[in-house]
Amino acid sequence: MNIEQYIKEYHDGRSDWFIEEVSTVANQSRVLKVMNLKDYLSGQHAITQRPNEYYNGKEFVPRRIVLQYAKTLLNFQTAYLMQNPVTLTGNETVVKEYQRVNKKGKYDRFNMSVLDKVNKYGMVAEYVYLDKGVIKSKLIDSSESYPIYDNENNLIAFIEAYVTDGISYYVVYTDDVVYKYDNLGGDLRLVAQYSNLSGLPIIYHNQNELSDVEGRSDLEDYISILDSMEDLLSKYTDGFYKFMNPIPVAIGQQLKGDGLPVQVKWTPLS
């Protein structure tokens, strides 16, 4: 199946088919999951939603301890896997040309970004293009990526969709042509059309037991553990200040005069 057949069968041949494709339940659910992972990495953890409590007739603001260990673990994982550069062997002329392209396109840094996004969000896309004679690559964010597969899991098209300043932008990649659309002014319009020299974007994803075309973020394995740690630390700290805060209690006979010692005993407040 090619993209023309896909549009005809699933979108009745409409010219704005890509808007409907982006809005499908499957695509929106996947993008929502990516956005939730981004929120978590930015510090929006479940513990921050913990409501205030009332203790001894007064409002008590509980501790909301946030542990950013997930970001540290993911960064370490990326740095560990990419710590050694790739060694190329083979025809000297080919290797030299490959190294020239790699250096001009800054692919060592780009490869680090690819692995970082795959670890964090499960997948990312790369589009290779030619910029004034220099081969470069563009990283397409997971939350803006909408790959289209046929019934045999073959990639037949790709949509990049995002919103900036209230304007929706769509970049539709096919095997031969790249189309750019936006709705500036309120109506959808074709802004530009280019020949596609490098084909469809390259999809990178890690292993997922439930899908052959979608990855699974490593972050999902850490969230439940870290949420439990944050909950435990926050409640333990609250318990210390609420139930183990001592007050001084003077015991013994009341004495008159100056300079006489008085024994003071610290008793936990219960």
C-alpha atoms as a PDB file:
ATOM      1  CA  MET A   1       0.000   0.000   0.000  1.00  0.00           C
ATOM      2  CA  ASN A   2       1.268   3.491  -0.872  1.00  0.00           C
ATOM      3  CA  ILE A   3       0.207   6.804   0.625  1.00  0.00           C
ATOM      4  CA  GLU A   4      -2.304   7.541  -2.145  1.00  0.00           C
ATOM      5  CA  GLN A   5      -4.152   4.301  -1.448  1.00  0.00           C
ATOM      6  CA  TYR A   6      -3.995   4.986   2.287  1.00  0.00           C
ATOM      7  CA  ILE A   7      -5.556   8.436   1.873  1.00  0.00           C
ATOM      8  CA  LYS A   8      -8.283   7.032  -0.359  1.00  0.00           C
ATOM      9  CA  GLU A   9      -9.198   4.144   1.955  1.00  0.00           C
ATOM     10  CA  TYR A  10      -8.878   5.815   5.369  1.00  0.00           C
ATOM     11  CA  HIS A  11      -9.619   9.484   4.633  1.00  0.00           C
ATOM     12  CA  ASP A  12     -11.911   9.325   1.577  1.00  0.00           C
ATOM     13  CA  GLY A  13      -9.295  11.072  -0.561  1.00  0.00           C
ATOM     14  CA  ARG A  14      -9.584  14.418   1.252  1.00  0.00           C
ATOM     15  CA  SER A  15      -6.906  17.016   0.584  1.00  0.00           C
ATOM     16  CA  ASP A  16      -6.621  17.869   4.294  1.00  0.00           C
ATOM     17  CA  TRP A  17      -6.345  14.227   5.321  1.00  0.00           C
ATOM     18  CA  PHE A  18      -3.265  14.866   7.469  1.00  0.00           C
ATOM     19  CA  ILE A  19      -5.293  16.958   9.959  1.00  0.00           C
ATOM     20  CA  GLU A  20      -7.617  14.029  10.584  1.00  0.00           C
ATOM     21  CA  GLU A  21      -4.653  11.639  10.791  1.00  0.00           C
ATOM     22  CA  VAL A  22      -2.970  13.752  13.471  1.00  0.00           C
ATOM     23  CA  SER A  23      -6.227  13.881  15.465  1.00  0.00           C
ATOM     24  CA  THR A  24      -6.796  10.115  15.689  1.00  0.00           C
ATOM     25  CA  VAL A  25      -7.173   8.622  19.155  1.00  0.00           C
ATOM     26  CA  ALA A  26      -4.055   6.464  18.777  1.00  0.00           C
ATOM     27  CA  ASN A  27      -1.852   9.409  17.807  1.00  0.00           C
ATOM     28  CA  GLN A  28      -3.226  11.739  20.467  1.00  0.00           C
ATOM     29  CA  SER A  29      -2.796   9.076  23.174  1.00  0.00           C
ATOM     30  CA  ARG A  30       0.824   8.543  22.171  1.00  0.00           C
ATOM     31  CA  VAL A  31       1.567  12.280  22.114  1.00  0.00           C
ATOM     32  CA  LEU A  32      -0.148  12.743  25.496  1.00  0.00           C
ATOM     33  CA  LYS A  33       2.106  10.067  26.988  1.00  0.00           C
ATOM     34  CA  VAL A  34       5.181  11.878  25.653  1.00  0.00           C
ATOM     35  CA  MET A  35       3.966  15.190  27.076  1.00  0.00           C
ATOM     36  CA  ASN A  36       3.397  13.559  30.478  1.00  0.00           C
ATOM     37  CA  LEU A  37       6.963  12.239  30.427  1.00  0.00           C
ATOM     38  CA  LYS A  38       8.254  15.718  29.591  1.00  0.00           C
ATOM     39  CA  ASP A  39       6.251  17.179  32.476  1.00  0.00           C
ATOM     40  CA  TYR A  40       7.743  14.603  34.828  1.00  0.00           C
ATOM     41  CA  LEU A  41      11.309  15.408  33.762  1.00  0.00           C
ATOM     42  CA  SER A  42      10.596  19.116  34.255  1.00  0.00           C
ATOM     43  CA  GLY A  43       9.641  18.462  37.903  1.00  0.00           C
ATOM     44  CA  GLN A  44       5.868  17.978  37.779  1.00  0.00           C
ATOM     45  CA  HIS A  45       5.708  14.836  39.917  1.00  0.00           C
ATOM     46  CA  ALA A  46       2.686  13.263  41.581  1.00  0.00           C
ATOM     47  CA  ILE A  47       3.888  14.402  45.017  1.00  0.00           C
ATOM     48  CA  THR A  48       3.477  18.069  43.995  1.00  0.00           C
ATOM     49  CA  GLN A  49      -0.289  17.491  43.776  1.00  0.00           C
ATOM     50  CA  ARG A  50      -0.485  16.440  47.426  1.00  0.00           C
ATOM     51  CA  PRO A  51      -3.213  18.566  49.089  1.00  0.00           C
ATOM     52  CA  ASN A  52      -2.856  20.549  52.308  1.00  0.00           C
ATOM     53  CA  GLU A  53      -4.046  18.924  55.545  1.00  0.00           C
ATOM     54  CA  TYR A  54      -5.558  20.069  58.843  1.00  0.00           C
ATOM     55  CA  TYR A  55      -3.764  19.275  62.094  1.00  0.00           C
ATOM     56  CA  ASN A  56      -4.864  20.441  65.562  1.00  0.00           C
ATOM     57  CA  GLY A  57      -7.449  22.694  63.953  1.00  0.00           C
ATOM     58  CA  LYS A  58      -4.934  24.491  61.738  1.00  0.00           C
ATOM     59  CA  GLU A  59      -4.056  24.109  58.086  1.00  0.00           C
ATOM     60  CA  PHE A  60      -0.851  22.163  57.656  1.00  0.00           C
ATOM     61  CA  VAL A  61       1.208  22.445  54.470  1.00  0.00           C
ATOM     62  CA  PRO A  62       2.786  19.025  53.938  1.00  0.00           C
ATOM     63  CA  ARG A  63       6.244  18.404  52.552  1.00  0.00           C
ATOM     64  CA  ARG A  64       6.425  17.764  48.820  1.00  0.00           C
ATOM     65  CA  ILE A  65       9.912  16.381  48.289  1.00  0.00           C
ATOM     66  CA  VAL A  66      10.825  15.972  44.616  1.00  0.00           C
ATOM     67  CA  LEU A  67      13.640  13.626  43.580  1.00  0.00           C
ATOM     68  CA  GLN A  68      15.089  14.259  40.128  1.00  0.00           C
ATOM     69  CA  TYR A  69      16.940  10.952  40.051  1.00  0.00           C
ATOM     70  CA  ALA A  70      15.256   9.883  36.806  1.00  0.00           C
ATOM     71  CA  LYS A  71      16.951  12.645  34.828  1.00  0.00           C
ATOM     72  CA  THR A  72      20.312  11.686  36.334  1.00  0.00           C
ATOM     73  CA  LEU A  73      19.817   8.006  35.488  1.00  0.00           C
ATOM     74  CA  LEU A  74      18.803   8.749  31.896  1.00  0.00           C
ATOM     75  CA  ASN A  75      21.683  11.176  31.341  1.00  0.00           C
ATOM     76  CA  PHE A  76      24.144   8.641  32.734  1.00  0.00           C
ATOM     77  CA  GLN A  77      22.711   5.919  30.501  1.00  0.00           C
ATOM     78  CA  THR A  78      23.139   8.091  27.408  1.00  0.00           C
ATOM     79  CA  ALA A  79      26.666   9.196  28.354  1.00  0.00           C
ATOM     80  CA  TYR A  80      27.715   5.621  29.120  1.00  0.00           C
ATOM     81  CA  LEU A  81      26.489   4.227  25.796  1.00  0.00           C
ATOM     82  CA  MET A  82      28.030   7.069  23.772  1.00  0.00           C
ATOM     83  CA  GLN A  83      31.307   7.441  25.663  1.00  0.00           C
ATOM     84  CA  ASN A  84      33.398   5.758  22.951  1.00  0.00           C
ATOM     85  CA  PRO A  85      33.372   7.140  19.396  1.00  0.00           C
ATOM     86  CA  VAL A  86      32.553   4.905  16.451  1.00  0.00           C
ATOM     87  CA  THR A  87      35.621   3.409  14.763  1.00  0.00           C
ATOM     88  CA  LEU A  88      35.404   3.167  10.971  1.00  0.00           C
ATOM     89  CA  THR A  89      37.366   0.643   8.910  1.00  0.00           C
ATOM     90  CA  GLY A  90      37.407  -0.127   5.208  1.00  0.00           C
ATOM     91  CA  ASN A  91      38.356   1.691   2.043  1.00  0.00           C
ATOM     92  CA  GLU A  92      40.465   4.682   3.014  1.00  0.00           C
ATOM     93  CA  THR A  93      38.784   7.037   0.539  1.00  0.00           C
ATOM     94  CA  VAL A  94      35.280   6.066   1.676  1.00  0.00           C
ATOM     95  CA  VAL A  95      36.182   6.349   5.368  1.00  0.00           C
ATOM     96  CA  LYS A  96      37.762   9.757   4.823  1.00  0.00           C
ATOM     97  CA  GLU A  97      34.675  11.032   2.980  1.00  0.00           C
ATOM     98  CA  TYR A  98      32.381   9.648   5.670  1.00  0.00           C
ATOM     99  CA  GLN A  99      34.396  11.398   8.385  1.00  0.00           C
ATOM    100  CA  ARG A 100      34.218  14.661   6.441  1.00  0.00           C
ATOM    101  CA  VAL A 101      30.416  14.431   6.226  1.00  0.00           C
ATOM    102  CA  ASN A 102      30.195  13.433   9.870  1.00  0.00           C
ATOM    103  CA  LYS A 103      32.286  16.408  10.990  1.00  0.00           C
ATOM    104  CA  LYS A 104      30.512  19.014   8.851  1.00  0.00           C
ATOM    105  CA  GLY A 105      27.086  17.744   9.858  1.00  0.00           C
ATOM    106  CA  LYS A 106      28.113  17.598  13.563  1.00  0.00           C
ATOM    107  CA  TYR A 107      26.782  14.065  13.770  1.00  0.00           C
ATOM    108  CA  ASP A 108      28.654  13.122  16.933  1.00  0.00           C
ATOM    109  CA  ARG A 109      26.572  15.620  18.887  1.00  0.00           C
ATOM    110  CA  PHE A 110      23.466  14.727  16.888  1.00  0.00           C
ATOM    111  CA  ASN A 111      23.807  11.018  17.708  1.00  0.00           C
ATOM    112  CA  MET A 112      23.944  11.905  21.398  1.00  0.00           C
ATOM    113  CA  SER A 113      20.662  13.781  21.047  1.00  0.00           C
ATOM    114  CA  VAL A 114      19.036  10.860  19.228  1.00  0.00           C
ATOM    115  CA  LEU A 115      19.927   8.399  21.979  1.00  0.00           C
ATOM    116  CA  ASP A 116      18.867  10.871  24.674  1.00  0.00           C
ATOM    117  CA  LYS A 117      15.378  11.247  23.162  1.00  0.00           C
ATOM    118  CA  VAL A 118      14.960   7.511  22.597  1.00  0.00           C
ATOM    119  CA  ASN A 119      15.817   6.774  26.225  1.00  0.00           C
ATOM    120  CA  LYS A 120      13.453   9.463  27.508  1.00  0.00           C
ATOM    121  CA  TYR A 121      10.474   9.106  25.182  1.00  0.00           C
ATOM    122  CA  GLY A 122      10.862   5.773  23.413  1.00  0.00           C
ATOM    123  CA  MET A 123      11.202   7.124  19.876  1.00  0.00           C
ATOM    124  CA  VAL A 124      12.454  10.021  17.779  1.00  0.00           C
ATOM    125  CA  ALA A 125      12.712  10.783  14.067  1.00  0.00           C
ATOM    126  CA  GLU A 126      15.573  12.059  11.914  1.00  0.00           C
ATOM    127  CA  TYR A 127      15.218  13.768   8.553  1.00  0.00           C
ATOM    128  CA  VAL A 128      18.346  14.054   6.393  1.00  0.00           C
ATOM    129  CA  TYR A 129      18.558  17.034   4.043  1.00  0.00           C
ATOM    130  CA  LEU A 130      21.045  19.026   1.966  1.00  0.00           C
ATOM    131  CA  ASP A 131      21.874  22.561   3.115  1.00  0.00           C
ATOM    132  CA  LYS A 132      24.095  24.474   0.647  1.00  0.00           C
ATOM    133  CA  GLY A 133      25.973  21.335  -0.270  1.00  0.00           C
ATOM    134  CA  VAL A 134      26.342  20.129   3.334  1.00  0.00           C
ATOM    135  CA  ILE A 135      24.538  16.979   4.488  1.00  0.00           C
ATOM    136  CA  LYS A 136      22.685  17.673   7.738  1.00  0.00           C
ATOM    137  CA  SER A 137      20.021  16.045   9.841  1.00  0.00           C
ATOM    138  CA  LYS A 138      16.984  17.472  11.578  1.00  0.00           C
ATOM    139  CA  LEU A 139      15.676  15.928  14.793  1.00  0.00           C
ATOM    140  CA  ILE A 140      11.869  15.724  14.897  1.00  0.00           C
ATOM    141  CA  ASP A 141      10.484  15.682  18.427  1.00  0.00           C
ATOM    142  CA  SER A 142       8.418  12.682  19.516  1.00  0.00           C
ATOM    143  CA  SER A 143       5.468  14.905  20.462  1.00  0.00           C
ATOM    144  CA  GLU A 144       5.401  16.330  16.927  1.00  0.00           C
ATOM    145  CA  SER A 145       5.939  13.061  15.055  1.00  0.00           C
ATOM    146  CA  TYR A 146       3.149  11.122  13.345  1.00  0.00           C
ATOM    147  CA  PRO A 147       4.521   8.211  11.308  1.00  0.00           C
ATOM    148  CA  ILE A 148       2.090   6.384   9.021  1.00  0.00           C
ATOM    149  CA  TYR A 149       2.438   2.633   8.520  1.00  0.00           C
ATOM    150  CA  ASP A 150       0.587   0.240   6.255  1.00  0.00           C
ATOM    151  CA  ASN A 151      -0.889  -3.085   7.389  1.00  0.00           C
ATOM    152  CA  GLU A 152       2.564  -4.705   7.117  1.00  0.00           C
ATOM    153  CA  ASN A 153       4.249  -2.088   9.330  1.00  0.00           C
ATOM    154  CA  ASN A 154       6.010  -0.421   6.410  1.00  0.00           C
ATOM    155  CA  LEU A 155       6.515   3.336   6.757  1.00  0.00           C
ATOM    156  CA  ILE A 156       4.652   4.992   3.863  1.00  0.00           C
ATOM    157  CA  ALA A 157       4.500   8.645   5.005  1.00  0.00           C
ATOM    158  CA  PHE A 158       5.336  10.916   7.909  1.00  0.00           C
ATOM    159  CA  ILE A 159       3.654  14.002   9.362  1.00  0.00           C
ATOM    160  CA  GLU A 160       5.332  16.637  11.517  1.00  0.00           C
ATOM    161  CA  ALA A 161       2.701  18.765  13.255  1.00  0.00           C
ATOM    162  CA  TYR A 162       3.092  21.503  15.855  1.00  0.00           C
ATOM    163  CA  VAL A 163       1.483  24.740  17.045  1.00  0.00           C
ATOM    164  CA  THR A 164       3.328  28.049  17.505  1.00  0.00           C
ATOM    165  CA  ASP A 165       1.657  31.327  18.546  1.00  0.00           C
ATOM    166  CA  GLY A 166      -1.759  29.816  17.887  1.00  0.00           C
ATOM    167  CA  ILE A 167      -0.868  28.808  14.326  1.00  0.00           C
ATOM    168  CA  SER A 168      -0.863  25.146  13.306  1.00  0.00           C
ATOM    169  CA  TYR A 169       1.944  23.932  11.078  1.00  0.00           C
ATOM    170  CA  TYR A 170       2.027  20.649   9.157  1.00  0.00           C
ATOM    171  CA  VAL A 171       4.943  19.152   7.252  1.00  0.00           C
ATOM    172  CA  VAL A 172       3.951  16.086   5.224  1.00  0.00           C
ATOM    173  CA  TYR A 173       6.792  13.828   4.078  1.00  0.00           C
ATOM    174  CA  THR A 174       6.244  11.382   1.237  1.00  0.00           C
ATOM    175  CA  ASP A 175       8.786   9.342  -0.709  1.00  0.00           C
ATOM    176  CA  ASP A 176       9.203  12.002  -3.385  1.00  0.00           C
ATOM    177  CA  VAL A 177       7.825  15.320  -2.099  1.00  0.00           C
ATOM    178  CA  VAL A 178       7.713  17.335   1.138  1.00  0.00           C
ATOM    179  CA  TYR A 179       4.646  19.564   1.607  1.00  0.00           C
ATOM    180  CA  LYS A 180       4.384  22.416   4.115  1.00  0.00           C
ATOM    181  CA  TYR A 181       1.011  23.720   5.310  1.00  0.00           C
ATOM    182  CA  ASP A 182      -0.220  26.204   7.905  1.00  0.00           C
ATOM    183  CA  ASN A 183      -3.477  27.914   8.863  1.00  0.00           C
ATOM    184  CA  LEU A 184      -2.173  31.460   9.189  1.00  0.00           C
ATOM    185  CA  GLY A 185      -5.153  33.742   8.598  1.00  0.00           C
ATOM    186  CA  GLY A 186      -7.650  31.055   9.598  1.00  0.00           C
ATOM    187  CA  ASP A 187      -7.646  28.893   6.456  1.00  0.00           C
ATOM    188  CA  LEU A 188      -5.404  25.949   5.662  1.00  0.00           C
ATOM    189  CA  ARG A 189      -2.956  26.737   2.887  1.00  0.00           C
ATOM    190  CA  LEU A 190      -0.053  25.089   1.083  1.00  0.00           C
ATOM    191  CA  VAL A 191       3.020  27.197   1.853  1.00  0.00           C
ATOM    192  CA  ALA A 192       5.805  25.294   0.084  1.00  0.00           C
ATOM    193  CA  GLN A 193       6.575  22.109  -1.788  1.00  0.00           C
ATOM    194  CA  TYR A 194      10.037  20.526  -2.163  1.00  0.00           C
ATOM    195  CA  SER A 195      11.567  17.522  -3.822  1.00  0.00           C
ATOM    196  CA  ASN A 196      12.464  14.904  -1.242  1.00  0.00           C
ATOM    197  CA  LEU A 197      16.066  13.895  -1.901  1.00  0.00           C
ATOM    198  CA  SER A 198      16.553  11.637   1.122  1.00  0.00           C
ATOM    199  CA  GLY A 199      13.218   9.829   1.377  1.00  0.00           C
ATOM    200  CA  LEU A 200      11.125   9.440   4.494  1.00  0.00           C
ATOM    201  CA  PRO A 201      12.438  10.352   7.955  1.00  0.00           C
ATOM    202  CA  ILE A 202      14.318   7.662   9.866  1.00  0.00           C
ATOM    203  CA  ILE A 203      12.446   6.370  12.912  1.00  0.00           C
ATOM    204  CA  TYR A 204      14.487   5.361  15.974  1.00  0.00           C
ATOM    205  CA  HIS A 205      12.781   3.487  18.791  1.00  0.00           C
ATOM    206  CA  ASN A 206      13.732   1.042  21.495  1.00  0.00           C
ATOM    207  CA  GLN A 207      12.160  -2.303  22.344  1.00  0.00           C
ATOM    208  CA  ASN A 208       8.467  -2.535  23.127  1.00  0.00           C
ATOM    209  CA  GLU A 209       6.792  -5.847  23.837  1.00  0.00           C
ATOM    210  CA  LEU A 210       3.413  -4.477  22.722  1.00  0.00           C
ATOM    211  CA  SER A 211       4.402  -2.925  19.390  1.00  0.00           C
ATOM    212  CA  ASP A 212       6.933  -3.392  16.608  1.00  0.00           C
ATOM    213  CA  VAL A 213       6.739   0.238  15.455  1.00  0.00           C
ATOM    214  CA  GLU A 214       6.534   2.159  18.746  1.00  0.00           C
ATOM    215  CA  GLY A 215       9.143   2.288  21.479  1.00  0.00           C
ATOM    216  CA  ARG A 216       8.736   2.384  25.238  1.00  0.00           C
ATOM    217  CA  SER A 217      10.450   4.995  27.372  1.00  0.00           C
ATOM    218  CA  ASP A 218      12.933   3.774  29.968  1.00  0.00           C
ATOM    219  CA  LEU A 219      11.571   6.519  32.189  1.00  0.00           C
ATOM    220  CA  GLU A 220       8.335   4.555  32.658  1.00  0.00           C
ATOM    221  CA  ASP A 221      10.294   1.953  34.649  1.00  0.00           C
ATOM    222  CA  TYR A 222      11.554   4.587  37.099  1.00  0.00           C
ATOM    223  CA  ILE A 223       8.472   6.693  37.769  1.00  0.00           C
ATOM    224  CA  SER A 224       6.580   4.329  40.076  1.00  0.00           C
ATOM    225  CA  ILE A 225       9.697   3.642  42.176  1.00  0.00           C
ATOM    226  CA  LEU A 226      10.585   7.327  42.528  1.00  0.00           C
ATOM    227  CA  ASP A 227       6.971   8.275  43.294  1.00  0.00           C
ATOM    228  CA  SER A 228       7.001   5.809  46.198  1.00  0.00           C
ATOM    229  CA  MET A 229      10.314   7.209  47.476  1.00  0.00           C
ATOM    230  CA  GLU A 230       9.028  10.786  47.315  1.00  0.00           C
ATOM    231  CA  ASP A 231       5.814   9.830  49.089  1.00  0.00           C
ATOM    232  CA  LEU A 232       7.698   7.993  51.844  1.00  0.00           C
ATOM    233  CA  LEU A 233      10.219  10.802  52.446  1.00  0.00           C
ATOM    234  CA  SER A 234       7.556  13.495  52.440  1.00  0.00           C
ATOM    235  CA  LYS A 235       5.298  11.656  54.906  1.00  0.00           C
ATOM    236  CA  TYR A 236       8.207  10.713  57.162  1.00  0.00           C
ATOM    237  CA  THR A 237       9.299  14.367  57.371  1.00  0.00           C
ATOM    238  CA  ASP A 238       5.723  15.433  58.133  1.00  0.00           C
ATOM    239  CA  GLY A 239       5.477  12.784  60.853  1.00  0.00           C
ATOM    240  CA  PHE A 240       8.661  14.044  62.490  1.00  0.00           C
ATOM    241  CA  TYR A 241       7.449  17.621  62.748  1.00  0.00           C
ATOM    242  CA  LYS A 242       3.874  16.724  63.711  1.00  0.00           C
ATOM    243  CA  PHE A 243       4.420  13.954  66.251  1.00  0.00           C
ATOM    244  CA  MET A 244       8.069  14.144  67.373  1.00  0.00           C
ATOM    245  CA  ASN A 245       8.504  17.865  68.033  1.00  0.00           C
ATOM    246  CA  PRO A 246       9.682  18.115  71.705  1.00  0.00           C
ATOM    247  CA  ILE A 247       8.730  20.807  74.237  1.00  0.00           C
ATOM    248  CA  PRO A 248      10.674  21.692  77.403  1.00  0.00           C
ATOM    249  CA  VAL A 249       9.120  20.549  80.722  1.00  0.00           C
ATOM    250  CA  ALA A 250      10.609  21.687  84.069  1.00  0.00           C
ATOM    251  CA  ILE A 251      10.338  19.113  86.862  1.00  0.00           C
ATOM    252  CA  GLY A 252      11.166  19.333  90.579  1.00  0.00           C
ATOM    253  CA  GLN A 253      10.420  21.725  93.451  1.00  0.00           C
ATOM    254  CA  GLN A 254       9.863  25.372  92.725  1.00  0.00           C
ATOM    255  CA  LEU A 255      12.751  27.337  94.301  1.00  0.00           C
ATOM    256  CA  LYS A 256      13.230  30.997  95.072  1.00  0.00           C
ATOM    257  CA  GLY A 257      16.356  32.986  94.565  1.00  0.00           C
ATOM    258  CA  ASP A 258      18.920  33.452  91.851  1.00  0.00           C
ATOM    259  CA  GLY A 259      21.553  31.061  90.664  1.00  0.00           C
ATOM    260  CA  LEU A 260      19.757  27.897  91.663  1.00  0.00           C
ATOM    261  CA  PRO A 261      19.801  25.162  89.029  1.00  0.00           C
ATOM    262  CA  VAL A 262      16.556  23.833  87.618  1.00  0.00           C
ATOM    263  CA  GLN A 263      16.473  20.472  85.843  1.00  0.00           C
ATOM    264  CA  VAL A 264      14.880  20.617  82.378  1.00  0.00           C
ATOM    265  CA  LYS A 265      13.628  17.533  80.612  1.00  0.00           C
ATOM    266  CA  TRP A 266      12.671  17.400  76.910  1.00  0.00           C
ATOM    267  CA  THR A 267       9.482  15.468  76.416  1.00  0.00           C
ATOM    268  CA  PRO A 268       8.123  14.569  72.978  1.00  0.00           C
ATOM    269  CA  LEU A 269       4.856  16.255  72.095  1.00  0.00           C
ATOM    270  CA  SER A 270       2.084  13.715  71.667  1.00  0.00           C
END
